[in-house]
Amino acid sequence: MVGPFYNGTSPCIVDVALYPFAYATAVLGASKGPEFTLSRDNHPQLSKYFDWLSRMSEVAAVKDTLLPPRQLIQTYDHLTKLAGEKVRLQRQASKL
């Protein structure tokens, strides 16, 4: 990183592209338990990452586009259930 953001003093396309994944990882990890959670306490070597995540979370355009954590978790859980059902149906079809 060149500055507080990937390419300097303001967010660039790299920041914008990576942030949704970083946000989802933080939210979903927190909902799934400590073994899935990245935290500054458990991973001090990632301090620059956590600083960046905090800065990106304060960008107005970013705030305006985020799903609330509860909605993101519900969406993830729904997709997980659908994927499990699809696998079950494929296994069932292969036994025919």
N, C-alpha and C. Protein backbone atom coordinates (compact mmCIF):
# COMPACT_ATOMS: atom_id res chain seq x y z
N MET A 1 0.84 -1.17 0.00
CA MET A 1 0.00 0.00 0.00
C MET A 1 0.89 1.24 0.00
N VAL A 2 0.43 2.22 -0.72
CA VAL A 2 1.18 3.45 -0.88
C VAL A 2 0.79 4.47 0.19
N GLY A 3 -0.40 4.38 0.71
CA GLY A 3 -0.91 5.33 1.70
C GLY A 3 -1.99 4.66 2.52
N PRO A 4 -2.95 5.43 2.99
CA PRO A 4 -4.03 4.83 3.77
C PRO A 4 -4.91 3.89 2.94
N PHE A 5 -4.88 4.08 1.63
CA PHE A 5 -5.58 3.18 0.72
C PHE A 5 -4.55 2.54 -0.20
N TYR A 6 -4.97 1.63 -1.03
CA TYR A 6 -4.02 0.86 -1.83
C TYR A 6 -3.07 1.73 -2.65
N ASN A 7 -3.61 2.76 -3.28
CA ASN A 7 -2.79 3.54 -4.20
C ASN A 7 -2.59 4.99 -3.75
N GLY A 8 -2.80 5.27 -2.47
CA GLY A 8 -2.57 6.63 -2.01
C GLY A 8 -3.56 7.11 -0.98
N THR A 9 -3.94 8.37 -1.10
CA THR A 9 -4.76 9.01 -0.08
C THR A 9 -6.26 8.86 -0.29
N SER A 10 -6.68 8.33 -1.42
CA SER A 10 -8.11 8.10 -1.66
C SER A 10 -8.31 6.71 -2.26
N PRO A 11 -9.49 6.14 -2.06
CA PRO A 11 -9.74 4.79 -2.57
C PRO A 11 -9.60 4.72 -4.09
N CYS A 12 -9.08 3.61 -4.57
CA CYS A 12 -8.97 3.36 -6.01
C CYS A 12 -9.74 2.08 -6.33
N ILE A 13 -9.69 1.66 -7.56
CA ILE A 13 -10.45 0.49 -8.01
C ILE A 13 -10.07 -0.77 -7.22
N VAL A 14 -8.83 -0.89 -6.82
CA VAL A 14 -8.40 -2.06 -6.04
C VAL A 14 -9.13 -2.08 -4.70
N ASP A 15 -9.17 -0.94 -4.02
CA ASP A 15 -9.88 -0.86 -2.74
C ASP A 15 -11.35 -1.22 -2.91
N VAL A 16 -11.96 -0.64 -3.94
CA VAL A 16 -13.39 -0.85 -4.19
C VAL A 16 -13.67 -2.32 -4.53
N ALA A 17 -12.78 -2.95 -5.27
CA ALA A 17 -12.98 -4.34 -5.66
C ALA A 17 -12.79 -5.30 -4.48
N LEU A 18 -11.84 -5.02 -3.60
CA LEU A 18 -11.54 -5.94 -2.51
C LEU A 18 -12.44 -5.76 -1.29
N TYR A 19 -12.91 -4.56 -1.07
CA TYR A 19 -13.65 -4.29 0.16
C TYR A 19 -14.87 -5.18 0.38
N PRO A 20 -15.72 -5.43 -0.61
CA PRO A 20 -16.89 -6.28 -0.34
C PRO A 20 -16.51 -7.67 0.20
N PHE A 21 -15.42 -8.22 -0.28
CA PHE A 21 -14.98 -9.53 0.20
C PHE A 21 -14.45 -9.43 1.63
N ALA A 22 -13.71 -8.36 1.91
CA ALA A 22 -13.19 -8.16 3.26
C ALA A 22 -14.33 -7.94 4.25
N TYR A 23 -15.31 -7.15 3.86
CA TYR A 23 -16.48 -6.89 4.71
C TYR A 23 -17.25 -8.18 4.97
N ALA A 24 -17.51 -8.93 3.92
CA ALA A 24 -18.26 -10.19 4.07
C ALA A 24 -17.50 -11.16 4.95
N THR A 25 -16.19 -11.23 4.79
CA THR A 25 -15.37 -12.12 5.61
C THR A 25 -15.49 -11.73 7.08
N ALA A 26 -15.44 -10.44 7.36
CA ALA A 26 -15.55 -9.96 8.74
C ALA A 26 -16.92 -10.28 9.34
N VAL A 27 -17.97 -9.98 8.60
CA VAL A 27 -19.33 -10.19 9.10
C VAL A 27 -19.62 -11.67 9.26
N LEU A 28 -19.35 -12.45 8.22
CA LEU A 28 -19.68 -13.87 8.27
C LEU A 28 -18.81 -14.61 9.26
N GLY A 29 -17.55 -14.22 9.35
CA GLY A 29 -16.67 -14.84 10.34
C GLY A 29 -17.18 -14.62 11.74
N ALA A 30 -17.61 -13.41 12.02
CA ALA A 30 -18.13 -13.10 13.35
C ALA A 30 -19.38 -13.91 13.67
N SER A 31 -20.18 -14.22 12.66
CA SER A 31 -21.42 -14.96 12.89
C SER A 31 -21.20 -16.47 13.00
N LYS A 32 -20.07 -16.96 12.51
CA LYS A 32 -19.84 -18.40 12.48
C LYS A 32 -18.97 -18.90 13.62
N GLY A 33 -18.41 -18.02 14.40
CA GLY A 33 -17.63 -18.44 15.55
C GLY A 33 -16.18 -18.02 15.47
N PRO A 34 -15.47 -18.16 16.58
CA PRO A 34 -14.10 -17.66 16.67
C PRO A 34 -13.13 -18.30 15.68
N GLU A 35 -13.37 -19.54 15.31
CA GLU A 35 -12.44 -20.19 14.37
C GLU A 35 -12.52 -19.59 12.97
N PHE A 36 -13.57 -18.84 12.69
CA PHE A 36 -13.73 -18.20 11.38
C PHE A 36 -13.47 -16.70 11.42
N THR A 37 -13.13 -16.18 12.58
CA THR A 37 -13.03 -14.74 12.76
C THR A 37 -11.59 -14.25 12.67
N LEU A 38 -11.39 -13.26 11.83
CA LEU A 38 -10.12 -12.54 11.80
C LEU A 38 -10.26 -11.37 12.75
N SER A 39 -9.32 -11.22 13.66
CA SER A 39 -9.36 -10.07 14.56
C SER A 39 -7.95 -9.52 14.74
N ARG A 40 -7.90 -8.27 15.09
CA ARG A 40 -6.61 -7.61 15.32
C ARG A 40 -5.88 -8.30 16.47
N ASP A 41 -6.62 -8.74 17.48
CA ASP A 41 -6.00 -9.41 18.62
C ASP A 41 -5.37 -10.74 18.23
N ASN A 42 -6.08 -11.51 17.42
CA ASN A 42 -5.59 -12.84 17.03
C ASN A 42 -4.59 -12.81 15.89
N HIS A 43 -4.59 -11.73 15.12
CA HIS A 43 -3.72 -11.63 13.95
C HIS A 43 -3.04 -10.26 13.89
N PRO A 44 -2.16 -9.96 14.85
CA PRO A 44 -1.52 -8.64 14.87
C PRO A 44 -0.70 -8.35 13.62
N GLN A 45 -0.28 -9.40 12.92
CA GLN A 45 0.50 -9.21 11.69
C GLN A 45 -0.36 -8.59 10.58
N LEU A 46 -1.67 -8.56 10.76
CA LEU A 46 -2.58 -7.98 9.76
C LEU A 46 -3.04 -6.58 10.16
N SER A 47 -2.25 -5.88 10.94
CA SER A 47 -2.68 -4.56 11.43
C SER A 47 -2.96 -3.59 10.28
N LYS A 48 -2.17 -3.61 9.23
CA LYS A 48 -2.43 -2.71 8.09
C LYS A 48 -3.75 -3.06 7.41
N TYR A 49 -4.05 -4.34 7.33
CA TYR A 49 -5.32 -4.79 6.75
C TYR A 49 -6.49 -4.24 7.57
N PHE A 50 -6.42 -4.37 8.89
CA PHE A 50 -7.51 -3.90 9.74
C PHE A 50 -7.64 -2.38 9.70
N ASP A 51 -6.51 -1.68 9.61
CA ASP A 51 -6.55 -0.22 9.47
C ASP A 51 -7.26 0.15 8.16
N TRP A 52 -6.89 -0.54 7.09
CA TRP A 52 -7.51 -0.29 5.78
C TRP A 52 -9.01 -0.58 5.83
N LEU A 53 -9.38 -1.70 6.43
CA LEU A 53 -10.79 -2.08 6.54
C LEU A 53 -11.58 -1.00 7.29
N SER A 54 -11.02 -0.49 8.35
CA SER A 54 -11.68 0.59 9.11
C SER A 54 -11.83 1.85 8.27
N ARG A 55 -10.77 2.22 7.56
CA ARG A 55 -10.84 3.42 6.71
C ARG A 55 -11.88 3.26 5.61
N MET A 56 -11.88 2.11 4.96
CA MET A 56 -12.86 1.88 3.89
C MET A 56 -14.28 1.90 4.44
N SER A 57 -14.46 1.41 5.65
CA SER A 57 -15.80 1.38 6.26
C SER A 57 -16.34 2.77 6.53
N GLU A 58 -15.47 3.76 6.57
CA GLU A 58 -15.88 5.13 6.83
C GLU A 58 -16.13 5.94 5.56
N VAL A 59 -15.82 5.39 4.40
CA VAL A 59 -16.05 6.10 3.13
C VAL A 59 -17.56 6.14 2.88
N ALA A 60 -18.10 7.34 2.66
CA ALA A 60 -19.55 7.51 2.52
C ALA A 60 -20.14 6.64 1.43
N ALA A 61 -19.50 6.57 0.28
CA ALA A 61 -20.02 5.77 -0.83
C ALA A 61 -20.04 4.29 -0.48
N VAL A 62 -19.11 3.86 0.33
CA VAL A 62 -19.07 2.46 0.76
C VAL A 62 -20.22 2.20 1.74
N LYS A 63 -20.37 3.07 2.72
CA LYS A 63 -21.45 2.92 3.71
C LYS A 63 -22.82 2.83 3.04
N ASP A 64 -22.99 3.62 1.99
CA ASP A 64 -24.29 3.67 1.31
C ASP A 64 -24.63 2.39 0.56
N THR A 65 -23.66 1.54 0.29
CA THR A 65 -23.91 0.36 -0.53
C THR A 65 -23.86 -0.96 0.24
N LEU A 66 -23.51 -0.93 1.51
CA LEU A 66 -23.36 -2.16 2.27
C LEU A 66 -24.70 -2.74 2.71
N LEU A 67 -24.79 -4.06 2.64
CA LEU A 67 -25.91 -4.74 3.28
C LEU A 67 -25.68 -4.68 4.78
N PRO A 68 -26.73 -4.52 5.56
CA PRO A 68 -26.56 -4.62 7.00
C PRO A 68 -26.05 -6.02 7.36
N PRO A 69 -25.23 -6.15 8.39
CA PRO A 69 -24.67 -7.46 8.74
C PRO A 69 -25.73 -8.56 8.86
N ARG A 70 -26.85 -8.28 9.50
CA ARG A 70 -27.89 -9.31 9.67
C ARG A 70 -28.40 -9.80 8.31
N GLN A 71 -28.61 -8.89 7.38
CA GLN A 71 -29.10 -9.27 6.05
C GLN A 71 -28.06 -10.08 5.29
N LEU A 72 -26.80 -9.72 5.42
CA LEU A 72 -25.73 -10.47 4.77
C LEU A 72 -25.67 -11.89 5.32
N ILE A 73 -25.80 -12.04 6.62
CA ILE A 73 -25.77 -13.37 7.25
C ILE A 73 -26.97 -14.19 6.79
N GLN A 74 -28.15 -13.58 6.74
CA GLN A 74 -29.35 -14.30 6.29
C GLN A 74 -29.20 -14.75 4.84
N THR A 75 -28.64 -13.90 4.00
CA THR A 75 -28.42 -14.25 2.59
C THR A 75 -27.44 -15.41 2.48
N TYR A 76 -26.34 -15.33 3.22
CA TYR A 76 -25.34 -16.40 3.21
C TYR A 76 -25.95 -17.72 3.67
N ASP A 77 -26.70 -17.67 4.77
CA ASP A 77 -27.33 -18.90 5.28
C ASP A 77 -28.31 -19.48 4.27
N HIS A 78 -29.06 -18.63 3.60
CA HIS A 78 -30.01 -19.09 2.58
C HIS A 78 -29.28 -19.76 1.42
N LEU A 79 -28.20 -19.14 0.95
CA LEU A 79 -27.43 -19.71 -0.16
C LEU A 79 -26.77 -21.02 0.24
N THR A 80 -26.32 -21.11 1.48
CA THR A 80 -25.73 -22.35 1.98
C THR A 80 -26.77 -23.47 1.99
N LYS A 81 -27.98 -23.14 2.42
CA LYS A 81 -29.06 -24.12 2.43
C LYS A 81 -29.39 -24.58 1.01
N LEU A 82 -29.47 -23.64 0.06
CA LEU A 82 -29.75 -23.99 -1.33
C LEU A 82 -28.66 -24.89 -1.91
N ALA A 83 -27.41 -24.57 -1.61
CA ALA A 83 -26.30 -25.37 -2.12
C ALA A 83 -26.37 -26.78 -1.55
N GLY A 84 -26.68 -26.90 -0.27
CA GLY A 84 -26.80 -28.22 0.34
C GLY A 84 -27.93 -29.03 -0.28
N GLU A 85 -29.03 -28.38 -0.58
CA GLU A 85 -30.16 -29.06 -1.22
C GLU A 85 -29.79 -29.52 -2.62
N LYS A 86 -29.05 -28.69 -3.34
CA LYS A 86 -28.63 -29.06 -4.69
C LYS A 86 -27.72 -30.29 -4.65
N VAL A 87 -26.80 -30.33 -3.72
CA VAL A 87 -25.91 -31.49 -3.57
C VAL A 87 -26.72 -32.72 -3.23
N ARG A 88 -27.67 -32.59 -2.32
CA ARG A 88 -28.51 -33.73 -1.93
C ARG A 88 -29.28 -34.27 -3.14
N LEU A 89 -29.84 -33.38 -3.95
CA LEU A 89 -30.60 -33.82 -5.14
C LEU A 89 -29.69 -34.48 -6.17
N GLN A 90 -28.48 -33.97 -6.33
CA GLN A 90 -27.55 -34.59 -7.28
C GLN A 90 -27.14 -35.98 -6.82
N ARG A 91 -26.92 -36.14 -5.53
CA ARG A 91 -26.57 -37.47 -5.01
C ARG A 91 -27.73 -38.44 -5.19
N GLN A 92 -28.92 -37.94 -4.93
CA GLN A 92 -30.11 -38.77 -5.09
C GLN A 92 -30.29 -39.19 -6.55
N ALA A 93 -30.07 -38.28 -7.48
CA ALA A 93 -30.21 -38.58 -8.90
C ALA A 93 -29.15 -39.56 -9.36
N SER A 94 -27.97 -39.50 -8.79
CA SER A 94 -26.90 -40.40 -9.22
C SER A 94 -27.15 -41.83 -8.75
N LYS A 95 -28.01 -42.01 -7.76
CA LYS A 95 -28.33 -43.35 -7.25
C LYS A 95 -29.41 -44.03 -8.08
N LEU A 96 -30.08 -43.26 -8.94
CA LEU A 96 -31.17 -43.84 -9.75
C LEU A 96 -30.65 -44.71 -10.85
